[in-house]
Amino acid sequence: MIPFFDVAVIGAGAAGMMAASIAGQRGLRVVLIDHAEKLAEKIRISGGGRCNFTNTGTSPENFLSKNPHFCRSALAGYTPQDFLELVREYRIGFHEKHKGQLFCDDSSESIIQMLRQECLKGQVSWRMPCSVQSIGRTEEGFVLRTGQGDLNALQVVIATGGMAIPQLGSTDYALRVARHFGLKVIEPHPALVPLTFDGRDWKPFSALSGMALEVEVSTGQGKQRQAFLEDLLFTHRGLSGPGILQISSYWQSGESISVDLAPGQDIAQQLLDLKAGNRQQLVTVLSTLWPRRLVEQWLDTSDLLPKGVGQQRLADLPDRVLRTVGQVINGWELKPSGTAGYKKAEVMSGGVDTRELNQKSMEARKVPGLYFIGEAVDVTGWLGGYNFQWAWASAAACARALKAQAEQGLSMRAGRAVGMVCCRF
């Protein structure tokens, strides 16, 4: 006898466990399937091991999507305060670190165990490690062929995430499922990821690896301009740090980014004000703002400044040169050659086209009973807990919309597959 479930959730990460637990506690028969050996490794490593599980300032404006209004309904239906109620119920200590970002006081393991316990409350069945080799539609639902045998399900929820951090087992499984069922996909790419530069051009700055400073980094022009005031980190291959990770989600290949090395300061005017009688070298003056080795490398490599300008006394430099120095400091233009890829990305941008989904339930319009939640969907949050909040919110919206067999008035049995889809992990 092939087992039957009201819901089969594929993917036991943040969104998958959340959806399974809510559906199970609503009285539905739920099976949660995951191919991994260890549970929720992405949660485990997040936030430096302390899980930045939400952001109190979450709003639709903190998300990217080809359809920016899609996330509104789910985010309004399950807020950061709703998740905090659950965290407090389990007496998990937490603190605000920066700009509304909430972290566990101890380990991210607390969040994993909380979600597992919620699944136990809902009597969720587990199949892990277990691969789903194919998903087929039947007259009454779906049949799943798995590494632990076939099962029937009235509804299927795809919560397998995106392709970021493949070393933890991430794949494009959700996108393959969507495409095989005829759903459109927004071309994915790494997001919240370090930016890299041509090796020869970056060589002078590679010696600054490990140096960090607060900057305003931006990309785009006019209404398309996006900017973040965050820390920047020099690396051997390019730039990282919160500011760069944030802007990477908006950066397009071939475009430049602009880095204001002195946000909120008019450096040109400051230099002009200091000029009269000042016998200090320019590099010495600027070293009061940043580490001297950064100033020296930056002055020596700028194509817009005269060679050796850093060694000249401030009083001897023409006003036009000082204005140029200020302008370049407040708007350092850089053209990345690419990103560090999915291995270093925190999330995947793009995914299942939201125009294919019902924004209130996450159900595929063309395939009744098939749902996509979390990172698999073309909704990508900023750095700082927003992507976890999308996982909780999209999962809750989906779980509340799922139906039980009795509600459908169906007598589920091993059905004849009418459309098999091969989707291997």
Protein backbone atom coordinates (compact mmCIF):
# COMPACT_ATOMS: atom_id res chain seq x y z
CA MET A 1 0.00 0.00 0.00
CA ILE A 2 1.48 3.33 -1.05
CA PRO A 3 1.28 5.78 1.88
CA PHE A 4 -0.87 8.90 1.46
CA PHE A 5 -0.28 12.37 2.87
CA ASP A 6 -2.22 15.59 2.60
CA VAL A 7 1.06 17.41 2.05
CA ALA A 8 4.56 16.45 0.97
CA VAL A 9 7.08 19.18 1.77
CA ILE A 10 10.37 18.79 -0.10
CA GLY A 11 13.22 20.56 1.67
CA ALA A 12 13.70 20.65 5.44
CA GLY A 13 15.31 24.07 5.74
CA ALA A 14 13.83 27.20 7.28
CA ALA A 15 10.81 27.51 4.98
CA GLY A 16 10.20 23.78 4.73
CA MET A 17 10.15 23.07 8.46
CA MET A 18 8.02 26.14 9.06
CA ALA A 19 5.42 25.13 6.48
CA ALA A 20 5.38 21.50 7.64
CA SER A 21 4.94 22.42 11.29
CA ILE A 22 2.06 24.84 10.69
CA ALA A 23 0.29 22.46 8.32
CA GLY A 24 0.73 19.55 10.71
CA GLN A 25 -0.60 21.53 13.66
CA ARG A 26 -3.66 22.36 11.56
CA GLY A 27 -4.44 18.64 11.43
CA LEU A 28 -3.01 17.77 8.02
CA ARG A 29 -0.99 14.62 7.42
CA VAL A 30 2.44 15.94 6.43
CA VAL A 31 5.65 14.30 5.29
CA LEU A 32 8.87 16.32 5.25
CA ILE A 33 11.57 15.09 2.86
CA ASP A 34 15.20 16.17 2.55
CA HIS A 35 18.23 14.67 0.83
CA ALA A 36 20.79 15.99 3.36
CA GLU A 37 22.51 13.97 6.06
CA LYS A 38 22.41 16.87 8.53
CA LEU A 39 19.36 18.98 9.25
CA ALA A 40 19.20 22.67 8.26
CA GLU A 41 22.90 23.34 7.75
CA LYS A 42 22.19 26.78 6.28
CA ILE A 43 20.42 27.80 9.47
CA ARG A 44 23.29 26.36 11.48
CA ILE A 45 26.00 28.48 9.82
CA SER A 46 23.94 31.65 9.45
CA GLY A 47 24.84 34.77 11.39
CA GLY A 48 28.24 33.41 12.32
CA GLY A 49 26.58 30.44 14.00
CA ARG A 50 24.02 32.54 15.87
CA CYS A 51 21.31 32.79 13.19
CA ASN A 52 20.17 36.28 12.23
CA PHE A 53 16.60 34.95 12.28
CA THR A 54 14.63 38.12 11.44
CA ASN A 55 14.73 41.91 11.21
CA THR A 56 12.31 44.08 13.15
CA GLY A 57 12.30 46.66 10.36
CA THR A 58 11.12 44.25 7.66
CA SER A 59 9.08 45.84 4.88
CA PRO A 60 8.47 45.05 1.18
CA GLU A 61 11.09 47.69 0.32
CA ASN A 62 13.78 45.38 1.71
CA PHE A 63 13.24 42.84 -1.08
CA LEU A 64 14.12 42.52 -4.76
CA SER A 65 11.80 40.92 -7.29
CA LYS A 66 10.64 41.41 -10.84
CA ASN A 67 7.24 41.83 -9.18
CA PRO A 68 8.08 43.96 -6.10
CA HIS A 69 4.52 43.92 -4.74
CA PHE A 70 4.25 40.14 -4.61
CA CYS A 71 5.76 39.77 -1.13
CA ARG A 72 3.41 42.27 0.56
CA SER A 73 0.60 39.87 1.40
CA ALA A 74 2.78 37.16 2.95
CA LEU A 75 4.91 39.65 4.91
CA ALA A 76 1.78 41.31 6.31
CA GLY A 77 0.32 37.92 7.24
CA TYR A 78 3.33 36.78 9.26
CA THR A 79 5.48 39.51 10.78
CA PRO A 80 8.76 39.54 12.72
CA GLN A 81 6.70 39.90 15.90
CA ASP A 82 4.85 36.69 15.06
CA PHE A 83 8.13 34.81 14.82
CA LEU A 84 9.40 36.46 17.99
CA GLU A 85 6.38 35.09 19.86
CA LEU A 86 7.51 31.61 18.88
CA VAL A 87 11.11 32.34 19.88
CA ARG A 88 9.98 33.63 23.28
CA GLU A 89 7.73 30.60 23.77
CA TYR A 90 10.85 28.44 23.54
CA ARG A 91 12.77 30.82 25.81
CA ILE A 92 15.49 31.39 23.25
CA GLY A 93 17.64 34.35 24.21
CA PHE A 94 18.24 36.93 21.50
CA HIS A 95 19.65 40.39 20.96
CA GLU A 96 19.59 43.17 18.39
CA LYS A 97 22.98 43.60 16.80
CA HIS A 98 22.60 46.24 14.09
CA LYS A 99 19.72 48.00 12.32
CA GLY A 100 16.97 45.71 13.57
CA GLN A 101 18.93 42.47 13.04
CA LEU A 102 18.05 39.87 15.69
CA PHE A 103 20.47 37.08 16.61
CA CYS A 104 20.38 34.18 19.06
CA ASP A 105 22.36 34.83 22.22
CA ASP A 106 23.78 31.34 22.02
CA SER A 107 23.70 29.03 19.01
CA SER A 108 21.61 28.82 15.84
CA GLU A 109 20.97 25.25 16.94
CA SER A 110 18.25 26.74 19.16
CA ILE A 111 16.24 27.79 16.09
CA ILE A 112 16.73 24.40 14.41
CA GLN A 113 15.52 22.52 17.48
CA MET A 114 12.60 24.90 17.89
CA LEU A 115 11.43 24.20 14.34
CA ARG A 116 11.96 20.47 14.79
CA GLN A 117 9.91 20.53 17.97
CA GLU A 118 7.14 22.41 16.17
CA CYS A 119 7.14 19.67 13.52
CA LEU A 120 6.84 17.04 16.26
CA LYS A 121 3.83 18.90 17.66
CA GLY A 122 2.24 18.60 14.23
CA GLN A 123 3.09 14.87 14.03
CA VAL A 124 5.06 15.49 10.84
CA SER A 125 6.59 12.36 9.29
CA TRP A 126 10.26 12.57 8.29
CA ARG A 127 12.14 11.05 5.41
CA MET A 128 15.77 12.08 5.72
CA PRO A 129 18.17 11.55 4.11
CA CYS A 130 15.91 10.79 1.18
CA SER A 131 15.99 11.95 -2.44
CA VAL A 132 12.88 12.70 -4.50
CA GLN A 133 13.62 11.17 -7.86
CA SER A 134 10.44 12.24 -9.63
CA ILE A 135 7.16 14.03 -9.08
CA GLY A 136 4.15 12.99 -11.13
CA ARG A 137 0.66 14.41 -11.32
CA THR A 138 -2.25 12.06 -10.88
CA GLU A 139 -5.97 12.60 -11.24
CA GLU A 140 -6.19 13.24 -7.50
CA GLY A 141 -2.86 14.82 -6.62
CA PHE A 142 0.75 13.75 -6.94
CA VAL A 143 2.86 10.64 -6.71
CA LEU A 144 6.46 11.02 -5.53
CA ARG A 145 9.13 8.43 -6.21
CA THR A 146 11.73 8.68 -3.47
CA GLY A 147 14.80 6.87 -2.28
CA GLN A 148 12.59 5.33 0.42
CA GLY A 149 9.74 4.27 -1.84
CA ASP A 150 6.73 5.87 -3.50
CA LEU A 151 4.14 8.01 -1.76
CA ASN A 152 0.98 9.85 -2.73
CA ALA A 153 0.24 13.43 -1.72
CA LEU A 154 -2.70 15.68 -2.32
CA GLN A 155 -0.34 18.68 -2.43
CA VAL A 156 3.39 19.23 -2.84
CA VAL A 157 5.41 22.14 -1.39
CA ILE A 158 8.81 22.85 -2.91
CA ALA A 159 11.06 24.39 -0.25
CA THR A 160 14.50 23.33 -1.49
CA GLY A 161 15.92 26.86 -1.61
CA GLY A 162 18.38 28.13 -4.18
CA MET A 163 21.90 27.38 -5.38
CA ALA A 164 23.89 29.42 -2.86
CA ILE A 165 26.52 27.50 -0.85
CA PRO A 166 26.49 24.30 -2.95
CA GLN A 167 29.03 22.75 -0.57
CA LEU A 168 26.09 22.30 1.84
CA GLY A 169 24.09 20.43 -0.80
CA SER A 170 22.23 23.30 -2.45
CA THR A 171 20.98 22.63 -5.99
CA ASP A 172 18.67 24.06 -8.65
CA TYR A 173 16.06 21.39 -7.84
CA ALA A 174 13.21 23.87 -7.32
CA LEU A 175 13.90 25.54 -10.66
CA ARG A 176 13.93 22.20 -12.47
CA VAL A 177 10.61 21.27 -10.94
CA ALA A 178 9.13 24.61 -11.96
CA ARG A 179 10.38 24.37 -15.55
CA HIS A 180 9.18 20.80 -16.00
CA PHE A 181 5.71 21.83 -14.88
CA GLY A 182 5.75 24.68 -17.41
CA LEU A 183 6.35 27.54 -14.98
CA LYS A 184 8.55 30.48 -15.92
CA VAL A 185 11.77 31.12 -14.01
CA ILE A 186 13.58 34.43 -13.55
CA GLU A 187 17.20 33.73 -14.44
CA PRO A 188 19.04 33.14 -11.15
CA HIS A 189 22.38 34.58 -10.08
CA PRO A 190 24.42 34.80 -6.87
CA ALA A 191 23.33 37.57 -4.47
CA LEU A 192 24.69 38.95 -1.22
CA VAL A 193 28.08 37.97 -2.59
CA PRO A 194 31.60 39.49 -2.70
CA LEU A 195 32.60 41.32 -5.88
CA THR A 196 35.82 40.47 -7.71
CA PHE A 197 38.11 42.49 -9.97
CA ASP A 198 40.62 41.82 -12.72
CA GLY A 199 43.75 40.36 -11.12
CA ARG A 200 46.17 42.86 -12.63
CA ASP A 201 44.04 45.88 -11.77
CA TRP A 202 43.44 44.67 -8.23
CA LYS A 203 46.99 43.60 -7.41
CA PRO A 204 47.94 46.91 -5.71
CA PHE A 205 44.96 46.56 -3.37
CA SER A 206 45.36 42.86 -2.57
CA ALA A 207 47.93 43.87 0.07
CA LEU A 208 45.09 45.62 1.92
CA SER A 209 43.24 42.32 2.44
CA GLY A 210 41.48 42.32 5.80
CA MET A 211 41.15 46.10 6.06
CA ALA A 212 37.60 47.37 6.73
CA LEU A 213 36.00 50.82 6.84
CA GLU A 214 32.53 52.31 6.72
CA VAL A 215 31.55 53.63 3.28
CA GLU A 216 28.52 54.42 1.19
CA VAL A 217 28.46 52.11 -1.80
CA SER A 218 26.03 52.63 -4.66
CA THR A 219 25.14 51.52 -8.16
CA GLY A 220 22.68 52.71 -10.80
CA GLN A 221 21.57 56.19 -11.77
CA GLY A 222 18.56 58.39 -11.01
CA LYS A 223 15.52 56.47 -9.75
CA GLN A 224 17.44 53.23 -10.30
CA ARG A 225 20.22 54.25 -7.91
CA GLN A 226 20.60 52.07 -4.85
CA ALA A 227 22.97 52.91 -1.99
CA PHE A 228 23.97 51.38 1.34
CA LEU A 229 25.91 52.85 4.25
CA GLU A 230 27.78 49.83 5.59
CA ASP A 231 31.26 48.45 6.16
CA LEU A 232 33.48 47.51 3.21
CA LEU A 233 36.16 44.83 3.45
CA PHE A 234 39.19 44.51 1.18
CA THR A 235 40.00 40.94 0.08
CA HIS A 236 42.72 39.36 -2.05
CA ARG A 237 40.38 39.18 -5.04
CA GLY A 238 38.20 42.25 -4.53
CA LEU A 239 35.70 43.67 -2.08
CA SER A 240 33.38 42.15 0.49
CA GLY A 241 31.74 43.23 3.75
CA PRO A 242 28.09 44.14 4.39
CA GLY A 243 28.06 47.14 2.04
CA ILE A 244 29.38 45.13 -0.90
CA LEU A 245 27.12 42.15 -0.19
CA GLN A 246 24.13 44.48 -0.19
CA ILE A 247 25.01 46.25 -3.43
CA SER A 248 25.86 42.97 -5.17
CA SER A 249 22.18 42.10 -5.36
CA TYR A 250 21.59 45.22 -7.48
CA TRP A 251 24.85 45.27 -9.44
CA GLN A 252 24.63 44.22 -13.09
CA SER A 253 27.56 42.74 -14.99
CA GLY A 254 29.46 45.43 -16.90
CA GLU A 255 28.29 48.24 -14.61
CA SER A 256 30.40 50.23 -12.16
CA ILE A 257 29.90 50.76 -8.46
CA SER A 258 30.65 54.00 -6.66
CA VAL A 259 32.28 54.01 -3.23
CA ASP A 260 32.14 57.13 -1.05
CA LEU A 261 35.13 56.65 1.22
CA ALA A 262 34.07 59.54 3.48
CA PRO A 263 30.26 59.44 3.67
CA GLY A 264 28.72 62.64 4.96
CA GLN A 265 31.92 64.65 4.48
CA ASP A 266 32.83 67.14 1.77
CA ILE A 267 36.50 66.20 1.45
CA ALA A 268 37.26 68.78 -1.25
CA GLN A 269 36.07 71.61 0.97
CA GLN A 270 37.91 70.23 3.99
CA LEU A 271 41.19 70.13 2.06
CA LEU A 272 40.69 73.67 0.77
CA ASP A 273 39.99 74.88 4.31
CA LEU A 274 43.18 73.22 5.58
CA LYS A 275 45.40 74.35 2.70
CA ALA A 276 46.65 77.77 3.81
CA GLY A 277 50.21 77.42 5.18
CA ASN A 278 49.84 73.66 5.66
CA ARG A 279 53.26 72.08 5.16
CA GLN A 280 52.07 68.49 5.67
CA GLN A 281 52.09 66.10 2.76
CA LEU A 282 48.69 65.21 1.31
CA VAL A 283 49.16 61.57 2.31
CA THR A 284 49.71 62.63 5.92
CA VAL A 285 46.59 64.79 5.97
CA LEU A 286 44.43 62.01 4.53
CA SER A 287 45.92 59.48 6.95
CA THR A 288 43.96 61.19 9.71
CA LEU A 289 40.86 59.77 8.04
CA TRP A 290 42.01 56.27 6.97
CA PRO A 291 44.94 53.91 7.53
CA ARG A 292 48.05 55.29 5.86
CA ARG A 293 48.64 52.20 3.70
CA LEU A 294 45.16 52.57 2.22
CA VAL A 295 45.79 56.25 1.44
CA GLU A 296 49.15 55.49 -0.19
CA GLN A 297 47.78 52.70 -2.38
CA TRP A 298 44.71 54.68 -3.34
CA LEU A 299 46.64 57.85 -4.30
CA ASP A 300 49.25 55.88 -6.26
CA THR A 301 46.71 53.94 -8.33
CA SER A 302 44.18 56.65 -9.16
CA ASP A 303 44.19 57.49 -12.88
CA LEU A 304 42.56 60.85 -12.15
CA LEU A 305 45.33 62.24 -9.95
CA PRO A 306 48.87 63.43 -10.80
CA LYS A 307 51.62 60.94 -10.05
CA GLY A 308 53.30 61.58 -6.74
CA VAL A 309 50.53 63.88 -5.54
CA GLY A 310 50.53 62.24 -2.12
CA GLN A 311 54.09 63.38 -1.38
CA GLN A 312 53.37 67.05 -2.14
CA ARG A 313 52.65 69.54 0.61
CA LEU A 314 49.02 70.54 0.94
CA ALA A 315 49.85 74.26 0.66
CA ASP A 316 51.60 73.68 -2.67
CA LEU A 317 48.76 71.83 -4.40
CA PRO A 318 46.46 73.78 -6.78
CA ASP A 319 42.84 74.10 -5.71
CA ARG A 320 41.70 72.17 -8.80
CA VAL A 321 43.82 69.17 -7.75
CA LEU A 322 42.41 69.26 -4.22
CA ARG A 323 38.88 69.40 -5.64
CA THR A 324 39.64 66.39 -7.80
CA VAL A 325 41.05 64.52 -4.79
CA GLY A 326 37.86 65.27 -2.86
CA GLN A 327 35.59 64.29 -5.72
CA VAL A 328 37.34 60.97 -6.23
CA ILE A 329 37.31 60.18 -2.50
CA ASN A 330 33.59 60.89 -2.33
CA GLY A 331 32.96 58.96 -5.54
CA TRP A 332 35.54 56.24 -6.19
CA GLU A 333 34.37 54.50 -9.37
CA LEU A 334 35.14 50.79 -9.70
CA LYS A 335 34.08 48.24 -12.30
CA PRO A 336 33.92 44.68 -10.92
CA SER A 337 34.76 41.85 -13.27
CA GLY A 338 32.30 39.52 -11.57
CA THR A 339 31.26 37.96 -8.28
CA ALA A 340 32.74 35.27 -6.05
CA GLY A 341 29.94 32.96 -7.22
CA TYR A 342 27.48 30.70 -5.46
CA LYS A 343 30.17 29.23 -3.20
CA LYS A 344 30.48 32.59 -1.42
CA ALA A 345 26.93 33.89 -1.97
CA GLU A 346 24.51 33.96 0.93
CA VAL A 347 21.43 33.62 -1.28
CA MET A 348 20.26 33.14 -4.85
CA SER A 349 18.52 36.03 -6.60
CA GLY A 350 15.83 35.19 -9.15
CA GLY A 351 13.85 31.96 -9.05
CA VAL A 352 10.29 30.90 -9.79
CA ASP A 353 8.53 33.81 -11.48
CA THR A 354 6.08 35.27 -8.97
CA ARG A 355 3.60 35.91 -11.78
CA GLU A 356 3.16 32.15 -11.86
CA LEU A 357 2.14 32.03 -8.19
CA ASN A 358 -0.79 33.15 -6.06
CA GLN A 359 0.62 35.79 -3.71
CA LYS A 360 -1.69 34.76 -0.86
CA SER A 361 -0.95 31.03 -0.98
CA MET A 362 2.24 30.53 -3.05
CA GLU A 363 0.33 28.01 -5.19
CA ALA A 364 1.23 27.64 -8.86
CA ARG A 365 -1.66 29.01 -10.90
CA LYS A 366 -1.15 26.46 -13.69
CA VAL A 367 -0.63 23.47 -11.39
CA PRO A 368 -3.19 23.31 -8.57
CA GLY A 369 -1.71 21.71 -5.48
CA LEU A 370 1.91 22.64 -6.28
CA TYR A 371 3.49 25.34 -4.09
CA PHE A 372 6.87 27.12 -4.00
CA ILE A 373 8.17 28.96 -0.93
CA GLY A 374 11.30 30.59 0.45
CA GLU A 375 14.45 31.22 -1.57
CA ALA A 376 13.15 29.22 -4.55
CA VAL A 377 10.82 32.12 -5.36
CA ASP A 378 11.93 35.34 -7.09
CA VAL A 379 11.92 37.30 -3.83
CA THR A 380 15.36 38.17 -2.43
CA GLY A 381 15.91 40.06 0.79
CA TRP A 382 18.64 42.42 1.89
CA LEU A 383 21.37 41.28 4.22
CA GLY A 384 20.29 41.30 7.85
CA GLY A 385 17.59 38.71 8.60
CA TYR A 386 15.20 39.62 5.80
CA ASN A 387 15.58 36.35 3.90
CA PHE A 388 14.73 34.35 6.98
CA GLN A 389 11.65 36.49 7.51
CA TRP A 390 10.61 35.76 3.91
CA ALA A 391 11.08 32.05 4.61
CA TRP A 392 8.81 32.21 7.68
CA ALA A 393 6.22 34.43 6.00
CA SER A 394 5.97 32.57 2.68
CA ALA A 395 5.81 29.25 4.56
CA ALA A 396 3.02 30.49 6.81
CA ALA A 397 1.01 31.83 3.86
CA CYS A 398 1.38 28.49 2.08
CA ALA A 399 0.63 26.30 5.12
CA ARG A 400 -2.55 28.19 5.95
CA ALA A 401 -3.82 27.61 2.39
CA LEU A 402 -3.17 23.86 2.30
CA LYS A 403 -6.17 21.55 2.36
CA ALA A 404 -6.79 18.19 3.99
CA GLN A 405 -8.12 15.19 2.08
CA ALA A 406 -11.47 15.44 3.85
CA GLU A 407 -11.84 19.10 2.85
CA GLN A 408 -11.35 18.14 -0.81
CA GLY A 409 -13.90 15.35 -0.59
CA LEU A 410 -11.45 12.93 -2.20
CA SER A 411 -10.74 9.28 -1.59
CA MET A 412 -7.03 9.23 -2.27
CA ARG A 413 -5.54 6.08 -3.68
CA ALA A 414 -2.53 5.14 -5.73
CA GLY A 415 -3.37 7.20 -8.76
CA ARG A 416 -2.42 6.86 -12.38
CA ALA A 417 0.34 9.34 -13.13
CA VAL A 418 -0.66 11.75 -15.87
CA GLY A 419 2.59 13.71 -16.04
CA MET A 420 5.88 12.46 -14.62
CA VAL A 421 8.66 14.91 -13.94
CA CYS A 422 12.23 13.74 -13.32
CA CYS A 423 13.85 16.08 -10.81
CA ARG A 424 16.98 14.64 -9.23
CA PHE A 425 18.86 16.17 -6.29
